[in-house]
Amino acid sequence: MKKRDLKGQSTEELKEKLAELRLELIKANSQVASGSAPKNPGQIRQMRKTIARILTFIHHKTEATHKDG
């Protein structure tokens, strides 16, 4: 996901997407651990980066909420 895609989403939507991505990452990692080749080797790295982006956005949104409140 791109930064602009994440920017307009609410915190709840970001948390839902985060849960989905973490589940996908677990599945992909289990495929690698079992010895089978993943469909797209770069997909795992991309999922990890997207998870980090989402966590960053969630952190910034909650931080901004605490400063204003």
N, C-alpha and C. Protein backbone atom coordinates (compact mmCIF):
# COMPACT_ATOMS: atom_id res chain seq x y z
N MET A 1 0.83 -1.18 0.00
CA MET A 1 0.00 0.00 0.00
C MET A 1 0.88 1.24 0.00
N LYS A 2 0.37 2.24 -0.65
CA LYS A 2 1.07 3.51 -0.71
C LYS A 2 0.69 4.37 0.48
N LYS A 3 1.53 5.35 0.74
CA LYS A 3 1.31 6.27 1.85
C LYS A 3 0.00 7.03 1.68
N ARG A 4 -0.28 7.44 0.46
CA ARG A 4 -1.50 8.21 0.22
C ARG A 4 -2.76 7.36 0.45
N ASP A 5 -2.67 6.05 0.25
CA ASP A 5 -3.80 5.16 0.49
C ASP A 5 -4.10 5.07 1.98
N LEU A 6 -3.06 5.08 2.78
CA LEU A 6 -3.21 4.94 4.23
C LEU A 6 -3.62 6.24 4.90
N LYS A 7 -3.24 7.35 4.31
CA LYS A 7 -3.43 8.66 4.94
C LYS A 7 -4.91 8.98 5.20
N GLY A 8 -5.77 8.62 4.29
CA GLY A 8 -7.19 8.96 4.42
C GLY A 8 -8.00 8.02 5.26
N GLN A 9 -7.40 6.93 5.74
CA GLN A 9 -8.15 5.94 6.49
C GLN A 9 -8.17 6.27 7.97
N SER A 10 -9.23 5.83 8.64
CA SER A 10 -9.34 6.06 10.07
C SER A 10 -8.46 5.06 10.81
N THR A 11 -8.30 5.28 12.10
CA THR A 11 -7.48 4.40 12.92
C THR A 11 -8.05 2.99 12.95
N GLU A 12 -9.37 2.87 13.01
CA GLU A 12 -10.00 1.55 13.04
C GLU A 12 -9.76 0.80 11.74
N GLU A 13 -9.85 1.49 10.62
CA GLU A 13 -9.59 0.85 9.32
C GLU A 13 -8.14 0.40 9.23
N LEU A 14 -7.24 1.21 9.75
CA LEU A 14 -5.83 0.85 9.75
C LEU A 14 -5.58 -0.38 10.60
N LYS A 15 -6.25 -0.46 11.75
CA LYS A 15 -6.08 -1.62 12.63
C LYS A 15 -6.60 -2.89 11.98
N GLU A 16 -7.72 -2.78 11.24
CA GLU A 16 -8.26 -3.94 10.53
C GLU A 16 -7.29 -4.41 9.45
N LYS A 17 -6.75 -3.46 8.70
CA LYS A 17 -5.79 -3.79 7.64
C LYS A 17 -4.53 -4.41 8.25
N LEU A 18 -4.12 -3.90 9.39
CA LEU A 18 -2.94 -4.42 10.09
C LEU A 18 -3.16 -5.89 10.47
N ALA A 19 -4.32 -6.20 10.99
CA ALA A 19 -4.63 -7.58 11.38
C ALA A 19 -4.61 -8.50 10.15
N GLU A 20 -5.18 -8.04 9.05
CA GLU A 20 -5.20 -8.83 7.81
C GLU A 20 -3.78 -9.10 7.32
N LEU A 21 -2.95 -8.07 7.30
CA LEU A 21 -1.58 -8.21 6.82
C LEU A 21 -0.76 -9.12 7.71
N ARG A 22 -0.95 -9.02 9.01
CA ARG A 22 -0.21 -9.89 9.93
C ARG A 22 -0.58 -11.35 9.71
N LEU A 23 -1.86 -11.62 9.45
CA LEU A 23 -2.30 -12.98 9.18
C LEU A 23 -1.69 -13.49 7.88
N GLU A 24 -1.68 -12.66 6.85
CA GLU A 24 -1.06 -13.04 5.57
C GLU A 24 0.43 -13.30 5.75
N LEU A 25 1.08 -12.48 6.55
CA LEU A 25 2.52 -12.63 6.78
C LEU A 25 2.81 -13.95 7.50
N ILE A 26 1.98 -14.30 8.44
CA ILE A 26 2.15 -15.57 9.15
C ILE A 26 2.03 -16.73 8.18
N LYS A 27 1.04 -16.66 7.29
CA LYS A 27 0.86 -17.73 6.30
C LYS A 27 2.06 -17.82 5.37
N ALA A 28 2.54 -16.69 4.90
CA ALA A 28 3.68 -16.68 3.98
C ALA A 28 4.94 -17.20 4.67
N ASN A 29 5.15 -16.80 5.93
CA ASN A 29 6.32 -17.28 6.66
C ASN A 29 6.24 -18.77 6.93
N SER A 30 5.04 -19.29 7.15
CA SER A 30 4.90 -20.73 7.37
C SER A 30 5.19 -21.50 6.09
N GLN A 31 4.85 -20.93 4.95
CA GLN A 31 5.18 -21.57 3.67
C GLN A 31 6.69 -21.66 3.50
N VAL A 32 7.38 -20.60 3.81
CA VAL A 32 8.83 -20.57 3.69
C VAL A 32 9.45 -21.57 4.67
N ALA A 33 8.92 -21.61 5.89
CA ALA A 33 9.46 -22.50 6.92
C ALA A 33 9.25 -23.97 6.56
N SER A 34 8.16 -24.26 5.86
CA SER A 34 7.89 -25.65 5.49
C SER A 34 8.71 -26.09 4.29
N GLY A 35 9.40 -25.16 3.66
CA GLY A 35 10.30 -25.52 2.58
C GLY A 35 9.76 -25.26 1.19
N SER A 36 8.50 -24.88 1.08
CA SER A 36 7.96 -24.59 -0.25
C SER A 36 8.32 -23.16 -0.65
N ALA A 37 8.48 -22.96 -1.94
CA ALA A 37 8.84 -21.64 -2.44
C ALA A 37 7.60 -20.76 -2.49
N PRO A 38 7.69 -19.54 -1.99
CA PRO A 38 6.54 -18.63 -2.05
C PRO A 38 6.25 -18.22 -3.50
N LYS A 39 5.00 -17.86 -3.76
CA LYS A 39 4.61 -17.42 -5.10
C LYS A 39 5.42 -16.21 -5.53
N ASN A 40 5.52 -15.26 -4.64
CA ASN A 40 6.25 -14.03 -4.92
C ASN A 40 7.23 -13.78 -3.77
N PRO A 41 8.51 -14.00 -3.99
CA PRO A 41 9.47 -13.86 -2.89
C PRO A 41 9.53 -12.46 -2.29
N GLY A 42 9.29 -11.43 -3.07
CA GLY A 42 9.32 -10.07 -2.56
C GLY A 42 8.09 -9.69 -1.77
N GLN A 43 7.08 -10.55 -1.80
CA GLN A 43 5.82 -10.24 -1.14
C GLN A 43 5.99 -10.14 0.38
N ILE A 44 6.81 -11.00 0.96
CA ILE A 44 7.00 -10.99 2.41
C ILE A 44 7.63 -9.67 2.84
N ARG A 45 8.64 -9.24 2.11
CA ARG A 45 9.29 -7.97 2.45
C ARG A 45 8.31 -6.80 2.31
N GLN A 46 7.50 -6.83 1.27
CA GLN A 46 6.53 -5.76 1.04
C GLN A 46 5.48 -5.73 2.16
N MET A 47 5.04 -6.91 2.61
CA MET A 47 4.07 -6.96 3.70
C MET A 47 4.66 -6.39 4.98
N ARG A 48 5.92 -6.72 5.27
CA ARG A 48 6.57 -6.20 6.46
C ARG A 48 6.68 -4.68 6.41
N LYS A 49 7.01 -4.14 5.25
CA LYS A 49 7.10 -2.69 5.11
C LYS A 49 5.74 -2.02 5.29
N THR A 50 4.71 -2.63 4.73
CA THR A 50 3.37 -2.06 4.85
C THR A 50 2.90 -2.10 6.30
N ILE A 51 3.21 -3.18 7.00
CA ILE A 51 2.86 -3.26 8.42
C ILE A 51 3.55 -2.14 9.20
N ALA A 52 4.81 -1.91 8.90
CA ALA A 52 5.54 -0.82 9.58
C ALA A 52 4.92 0.54 9.26
N ARG A 53 4.53 0.75 8.01
CA ARG A 53 3.88 2.01 7.63
C ARG A 53 2.59 2.22 8.41
N ILE A 54 1.77 1.15 8.49
CA ILE A 54 0.49 1.25 9.19
C ILE A 54 0.73 1.55 10.67
N LEU A 55 1.68 0.87 11.28
CA LEU A 55 1.97 1.12 12.69
C LEU A 55 2.44 2.56 12.91
N THR A 56 3.21 3.09 11.97
CA THR A 56 3.66 4.47 12.06
C THR A 56 2.49 5.43 11.99
N PHE A 57 1.58 5.19 11.05
CA PHE A 57 0.41 6.06 10.91
C PHE A 57 -0.46 6.00 12.16
N ILE A 58 -0.66 4.80 12.70
CA ILE A 58 -1.47 4.66 13.92
C ILE A 58 -0.80 5.43 15.06
N HIS A 59 0.50 5.29 15.18
CA HIS A 59 1.23 5.98 16.25
C HIS A 59 1.10 7.49 16.12
N HIS A 60 1.27 8.01 14.91
CA HIS A 60 1.18 9.45 14.71
C HIS A 60 -0.23 9.96 14.98
N LYS A 61 -1.24 9.19 14.58
CA LYS A 61 -2.62 9.63 14.82
C LYS A 61 -2.95 9.64 16.31
N THR A 62 -2.52 8.61 17.04
CA THR A 62 -2.81 8.59 18.48
C THR A 62 -2.00 9.65 19.21
N GLU A 63 -0.78 9.91 18.75
CA GLU A 63 0.06 10.93 19.36
C GLU A 63 -0.56 12.31 19.16
N ALA A 64 -1.09 12.56 17.97
CA ALA A 64 -1.73 13.84 17.69
C ALA A 64 -2.99 14.01 18.52
N THR A 65 -3.70 12.93 18.75
CA THR A 65 -4.91 12.98 19.56
C THR A 65 -4.57 13.32 21.01
N HIS A 66 -3.51 12.74 21.52
CA HIS A 66 -3.11 13.01 22.91
C HIS A 66 -2.58 14.42 23.10
N LYS A 67 -1.93 14.97 22.11
CA LYS A 67 -1.43 16.34 22.22
C LYS A 67 -2.57 17.34 22.22
N ASP A 68 -3.59 17.09 21.36
CA ASP A 68 -4.71 18.02 21.25
C ASP A 68 -5.63 17.93 22.48
N GLY A 69 -5.74 16.73 23.04
CA GLY A 69 -6.70 16.51 24.13
C GLY A 69 -6.17 16.85 25.43
